[in-house]
C-alpha atoms as a PDB file:
ATOM      1  CA  MET A   1       1.337 -30.852   2.385  1.00  0.00           C
ATOM      2  CA  ALA A   2      -0.288 -28.805   5.657  1.00  0.00           C
ATOM      3  CA  THR A   3      -4.026 -28.964   5.076  1.00  0.00           C
ATOM      4  CA  VAL A   4      -6.804 -27.401   6.957  1.00  0.00           C
ATOM      5  CA  SER A   5      -8.925 -30.012   7.991  1.00  0.00           C
ATOM      6  CA  ASN A   6      -9.759 -32.997   5.065  1.00  0.00           C
ATOM      7  CA  SER A   7      -9.130 -30.379   2.899  1.00  0.00           C
ATOM      8  CA  GLU A   8      -6.240 -30.383  -0.013  1.00  0.00           C
ATOM      9  CA  ARG A   9      -5.604 -26.550   0.980  1.00  0.00           C
ATOM     10  CA  LYS A  10      -2.500 -25.937   1.984  1.00  0.00           C
ATOM     11  CA  VAL A  11      -2.246 -24.163   4.875  1.00  0.00           C
ATOM     12  CA  SER A  12      -1.431 -20.340   4.387  1.00  0.00           C
ATOM     13  CA  ILE A  13       0.538 -17.991   6.005  1.00  0.00           C
ATOM     14  CA  LEU A  14       1.133 -14.255   5.350  1.00  0.00           C
ATOM     15  CA  VAL A  15       4.704 -13.345   6.302  1.00  0.00           C
ATOM     16  CA  VAL A  16       5.112  -9.675   6.745  1.00  0.00           C
ATOM     17  CA  ASP A  17       8.559  -8.274   7.539  1.00  0.00           C
ATOM     18  CA  ASP A  18      10.231  -5.174   5.599  1.00  0.00           C
ATOM     19  CA  ASN A  19      14.075  -7.148   6.177  1.00  0.00           C
ATOM     20  CA  GLU A  20      14.527  -8.741   2.894  1.00  0.00           C
ATOM     21  CA  ASP A  21      16.596 -11.683   5.002  1.00  0.00           C
ATOM     22  CA  HIS A  22      14.019 -12.369   7.352  1.00  0.00           C
ATOM     23  CA  LEU A  23      11.080 -12.823   4.861  1.00  0.00           C
ATOM     24  CA  GLU A  24      13.157 -14.840   2.655  1.00  0.00           C
ATOM     25  CA  TYR A  25      14.456 -17.430   5.904  1.00  0.00           C
ATOM     26  CA  LEU A  26      10.566 -17.122   7.147  1.00  0.00           C
ATOM     27  CA  ARG A  27       9.154 -17.916   3.484  1.00  0.00           C
ATOM     28  CA  ARG A  28      11.959 -20.943   2.693  1.00  0.00           C
ATOM     29  CA  THR A  29      11.655 -22.284   5.804  1.00  0.00           C
ATOM     30  CA  LEU A  30       7.364 -22.517   6.033  1.00  0.00           C
ATOM     31  CA  SER A  31       7.168 -23.617   2.322  1.00  0.00           C
ATOM     32  CA  ARG A  32       9.378 -26.158   2.729  1.00  0.00           C
ATOM     33  CA  GLU A  33       7.316 -27.310   5.546  1.00  0.00           C
ATOM     34  CA  GLY A  34       4.177 -27.698   3.400  1.00  0.00           C
ATOM     35  CA  PHE A  35       2.629 -23.863   3.959  1.00  0.00           C
ATOM     36  CA  LYS A  36       2.037 -21.450   1.515  1.00  0.00           C
ATOM     37  CA  VAL A  37       3.477 -18.753   2.261  1.00  0.00           C
ATOM     38  CA  ILE A  38       2.370 -15.364   0.657  1.00  0.00           C
ATOM     39  CA  ALA A  39       5.152 -12.625   1.370  1.00  0.00           C
ATOM     40  CA  SER A  40       4.390  -8.956   1.710  1.00  0.00           C
ATOM     41  CA  ASP A  41       7.938  -6.477   3.157  1.00  0.00           C
ATOM     42  CA  ASN A  42       5.018  -3.155   4.070  1.00  0.00           C
ATOM     43  CA  GLY A  43       1.709  -3.538   6.501  1.00  0.00           C
ATOM     44  CA  ASN A  44      -0.412  -1.185   3.737  1.00  0.00           C
ATOM     45  CA  GLU A  45       0.148  -4.095   1.412  1.00  0.00           C
ATOM     46  CA  ALA A  46      -0.484  -6.655   4.142  1.00  0.00           C
ATOM     47  CA  VAL A  47      -3.988  -5.682   5.237  1.00  0.00           C
ATOM     48  CA  ARG A  48      -4.926  -5.832   1.451  1.00  0.00           C
ATOM     49  CA  ILE A  49      -3.843  -9.190   1.133  1.00  0.00           C
ATOM     50  CA  ALA A  50      -5.234 -10.253   4.289  1.00  0.00           C
ATOM     51  CA  GLU A  51      -8.595  -9.109   3.435  1.00  0.00           C
ATOM     52  CA  ASP A  52      -8.247 -10.746   0.229  1.00  0.00           C
ATOM     53  CA  VAL A  53      -6.982 -14.095   0.999  1.00  0.00           C
ATOM     54  CA  ARG A  54      -7.540 -14.541   4.512  1.00  0.00           C
ATOM     55  CA  PRO A  55      -4.449 -16.866   5.639  1.00  0.00           C
ATOM     56  CA  ASP A  56      -4.822 -18.767   8.010  1.00  0.00           C
ATOM     57  CA  VAL A  57      -2.072 -16.779  10.217  1.00  0.00           C
ATOM     58  CA  VAL A  58      -0.103 -14.635  10.280  1.00  0.00           C
ATOM     59  CA  LEU A  59       3.656 -13.495  10.962  1.00  0.00           C
ATOM     60  CA  LEU A  60       3.830  -9.800  11.619  1.00  0.00           C
ATOM     61  CA  ASP A  61       7.188  -8.104  12.581  1.00  0.00           C
ATOM     62  CA  VAL A  62       6.611  -5.634  15.134  1.00  0.00           C
ATOM     63  CA  CYS A  63       9.169  -2.807  13.701  1.00  0.00           C
ATOM     64  CA  MET A  64       8.603  -1.845  10.191  1.00  0.00           C
ATOM     65  CA  PRO A  65       8.575   1.643   8.376  1.00  0.00           C
ATOM     66  CA  GLU A  66       5.060   3.742   7.508  1.00  0.00           C
ATOM     67  CA  ILE A  67       3.098   1.306   9.626  1.00  0.00           C
ATOM     68  CA  ASP A  68       4.224  -0.741  12.169  1.00  0.00           C
ATOM     69  CA  GLY A  69       3.385  -3.879  13.142  1.00  0.00           C
ATOM     70  CA  PHE A  70       0.677  -3.365  15.890  1.00  0.00           C
ATOM     71  CA  HIS A  71      -1.071  -1.026  13.327  1.00  0.00           C
ATOM     72  CA  VAL A  72      -1.326  -3.404  10.773  1.00  0.00           C
ATOM     73  CA  ALA A  73      -2.366  -5.309  13.674  1.00  0.00           C
ATOM     74  CA  MET A  74      -5.514  -3.495  14.886  1.00  0.00           C
ATOM     75  CA  LEU A  75      -6.441  -2.653  11.379  1.00  0.00           C
ATOM     76  CA  LEU A  76      -6.829  -6.541  11.020  1.00  0.00           C
ATOM     77  CA  LYS A  77      -8.975  -7.169  14.076  1.00  0.00           C
ATOM     78  CA  GLY A  78     -11.234  -4.141  13.204  1.00  0.00           C
ATOM     79  CA  MET A  79     -12.086  -5.423  10.355  1.00  0.00           C
ATOM     80  CA  GLU A  80     -14.953  -8.006  10.488  1.00  0.00           C
ATOM     81  CA  GLU A  81     -13.071 -10.083   7.404  1.00  0.00           C
ATOM     82  CA  THR A  82     -10.007 -10.029   9.198  1.00  0.00           C
ATOM     83  CA  ARG A  83     -10.716 -10.274  13.139  1.00  0.00           C
ATOM     84  CA  ASP A  84     -10.316 -13.743  13.963  1.00  0.00           C
ATOM     85  CA  LEU A  85      -7.127 -14.266  11.925  1.00  0.00           C
ATOM     86  CA  PRO A  86      -4.336 -15.415  14.729  1.00  0.00           C
ATOM     87  CA  ILE A  87      -1.226 -13.067  14.352  1.00  0.00           C
ATOM     88  CA  ILE A  88       1.543 -14.434  15.771  1.00  0.00           C
ATOM     89  CA  PHE A  89       4.551 -11.544  16.254  1.00  0.00           C
ATOM     90  CA  ILE A  90       8.006 -11.646  15.430  1.00  0.00           C
ATOM     91  CA  SER A  91      10.792  -9.190  16.753  1.00  0.00           C
ATOM     92  CA  SER A  92      14.106  -8.300  17.894  1.00  0.00           C
ATOM     93  CA  ALA A  93      13.989  -4.862  18.540  1.00  0.00           C
ATOM     94  CA  TYR A  94      11.156  -4.716  20.346  1.00  0.00           C
ATOM     95  CA  LYS A  95      11.329  -7.927  23.383  1.00  0.00           C
ATOM     96  CA  ASP A  96      10.312  -6.754  26.631  1.00  0.00           C
ATOM     97  CA  VAL A  97       7.386  -7.531  28.591  1.00  0.00           C
ATOM     98  CA  TYR A  98       5.504  -4.227  27.763  1.00  0.00           C
ATOM     99  CA  THR A  99       5.648  -4.448  24.132  1.00  0.00           C
ATOM    100  CA  ILE A 100       4.823  -8.501  24.331  1.00  0.00           C
ATOM    101  CA  MET A 101       1.776  -6.897  26.310  1.00  0.00           C
ATOM    102  CA  GLU A 102       0.429  -5.026  24.227  1.00  0.00           C
ATOM    103  CA  ALA A 103       0.745  -7.443  21.601  1.00  0.00           C
ATOM    104  CA  GLN A 104      -1.579  -9.632  23.783  1.00  0.00           C
ATOM    105  CA  SER A 105      -3.736  -6.511  24.150  1.00  0.00           C
ATOM    106  CA  ILE A 106      -4.356  -6.236  20.699  1.00  0.00           C
ATOM    107  CA  GLY A 107      -5.482  -9.583  20.256  1.00  0.00           C
ATOM    108  CA  ALA A 108      -2.735 -10.982  19.052  1.00  0.00           C
ATOM    109  CA  TYR A 109      -2.161 -15.034  19.337  1.00  0.00           C
ATOM    110  CA  ASP A 110       1.468 -15.409  20.078  1.00  0.00           C
ATOM    111  CA  PHE A 111       5.268 -13.616  20.365  1.00  0.00           C
ATOM    112  CA  ILE A 112       8.328 -14.914  19.328  1.00  0.00           C
ATOM    113  CA  VAL A 113      11.371 -13.265  19.910  1.00  0.00           C
ATOM    114  CA  ARG A 114      14.843 -13.583  16.786  1.00  0.00           C
ATOM    115  CA  PRO A 115      16.628 -15.190  15.994  1.00  0.00           C
ATOM    116  CA  VAL A 116      13.482 -17.343  15.231  1.00  0.00           C
ATOM    117  CA  ASN A 117      13.641 -21.271  16.058  1.00  0.00           C
ATOM    118  CA  LYS A 118      12.820 -22.904  12.852  1.00  0.00           C
ATOM    119  CA  ASP A 119      10.993 -25.923  15.649  1.00  0.00           C
ATOM    120  CA  GLU A 120       9.620 -23.103  17.854  1.00  0.00           C
ATOM    121  CA  LEU A 121       7.965 -21.623  15.036  1.00  0.00           C
ATOM    122  CA  LEU A 122       6.468 -24.350  13.995  1.00  0.00           C
ATOM    123  CA  VAL A 123       5.483 -25.211  17.448  1.00  0.00           C
ATOM    124  CA  ARG A 124       3.739 -22.493  17.406  1.00  0.00           C
ATOM    125  CA  ILE A 125       1.896 -22.318  14.579  1.00  0.00           C
ATOM    126  CA  ARG A 126       1.002 -25.895  14.798  1.00  0.00           C
ATOM    127  CA  LYS A 127      -0.873 -24.443  18.267  1.00  0.00           C
ATOM    128  CA  CYS A 128      -2.491 -21.594  16.684  1.00  0.00           C
ATOM    129  CA  LEU A 129      -3.846 -23.592  13.992  1.00  0.00           C
ATOM    130  CA  GLY A 130      -5.386 -26.424  16.159  1.00  0.00           C
ATOM    131  CA  ASP A 131      -5.853 -30.118  16.130  1.00  0.00           C
ATOM    132  CA  SER A 132      -7.129 -31.081  12.787  1.00  0.00           C
ATOM    133  CA  ALA A 133      -4.224 -28.377  10.887  1.00  0.00           C
ATOM    134  CA  ARG A 134      -1.325 -30.055  13.609  1.00  0.00           C
ATOM    135  CA  GLU A 135      -2.242 -33.753  12.881  1.00  0.00           C
ATOM    136  CA  SER A 136      -1.836 -33.116   8.830  1.00  0.00           C
ATOM    137  CA  LEU A 137       1.198 -31.095   9.184  1.00  0.00           C
ATOM    138  CA  GLU A 138       2.391 -33.921  11.282  1.00  0.00           C
ATOM    139  CA  GLU A 139       1.889 -35.982   8.459  1.00  0.00           C
ATOM    140  CA  HIS A 140       3.854 -33.819   5.912  1.00  0.00           C
ATOM    141  CA  ALA A 141       6.922 -33.674   8.124  1.00  0.00           C
ATOM    142  CA  ASP A 142       6.890 -37.524   8.748  1.00  0.00           C
ATOM    143  CA  ASP A 143       7.156 -37.969   4.480  1.00  0.00           C
ATOM    144  CA  ARG A 144       9.587 -35.015   4.604  1.00  0.00           C
ATOM    145  CA  LYS A 145      11.802 -36.943   6.624  1.00  0.00           C
ATOM    146  CA  THR A 146      10.542 -40.193   4.370  1.00  0.00           C
ATOM    147  CA  LYS A 147      11.964 -38.762   1.373  1.00  0.00           C
ATOM    148  CA  GLU A 148      15.072 -37.254   2.936  1.00  0.00           C
ATOM    149  CA  LEU A 149      16.195 -40.387   4.011  1.00  0.00           C
ATOM    150  CA  SER A 150      15.391 -42.261   1.056  1.00  0.00           C
ATOM    151  CA  GLU A 151      17.688 -39.515  -0.847  1.00  0.00           C
ATOM    152  CA  SER A 152      20.555 -40.236   1.355  1.00  0.00           C
ATOM    153  CA  GLY A 153      20.915 -43.427   0.996  1.00  0.00           C
ATOM    154  CA  ALA A 154      19.632 -44.246   4.359  1.00  0.00           C
END
C-alpha cells in the first residue's frame, strides 16, 4: 500500500484529463501501484475536488475544453488551501520549451510529455512525494512483484 509518512493512508492522486482513454490508463496504472486515484474529466470539477480532498499530487492535462490545465493550476496556486499541492502537467499537444517554461512559471512541479511511460511517471511521482512516501511506494512495488511471481508459479 502506498502511504504518506508512517500512516496507513494511501497516497492520493487527482488525475485531470478530458480524454477518457488517457484518464482510464492513468487511473488503472496508478491504482495498480497502490495509489488512491481521484479522477476528473474537467478543470472546474478538479478545482472543487482539490479544495475538498487535498490530494497529495495533481496530474493535470494541459489542453482541456472550458478551462485549460494552466488556468486550473493558477486557480489552485491562488487558493491558500491548495497552493502547496504539487502539480505535474501531462501533455502531448504542447511539448515545446515555452509551454514547459510556462508550466514552471505557474508553479508546476514537473511536466511529462505523452505518451506516458509508466516507469517515468512513477519515478516523477515518487520524487515529487519525497523520501518517506518513496520508501512506502517501493515496499508496495516489492510486495506486488512478489505476489505476481507467486501467482505465476515462479
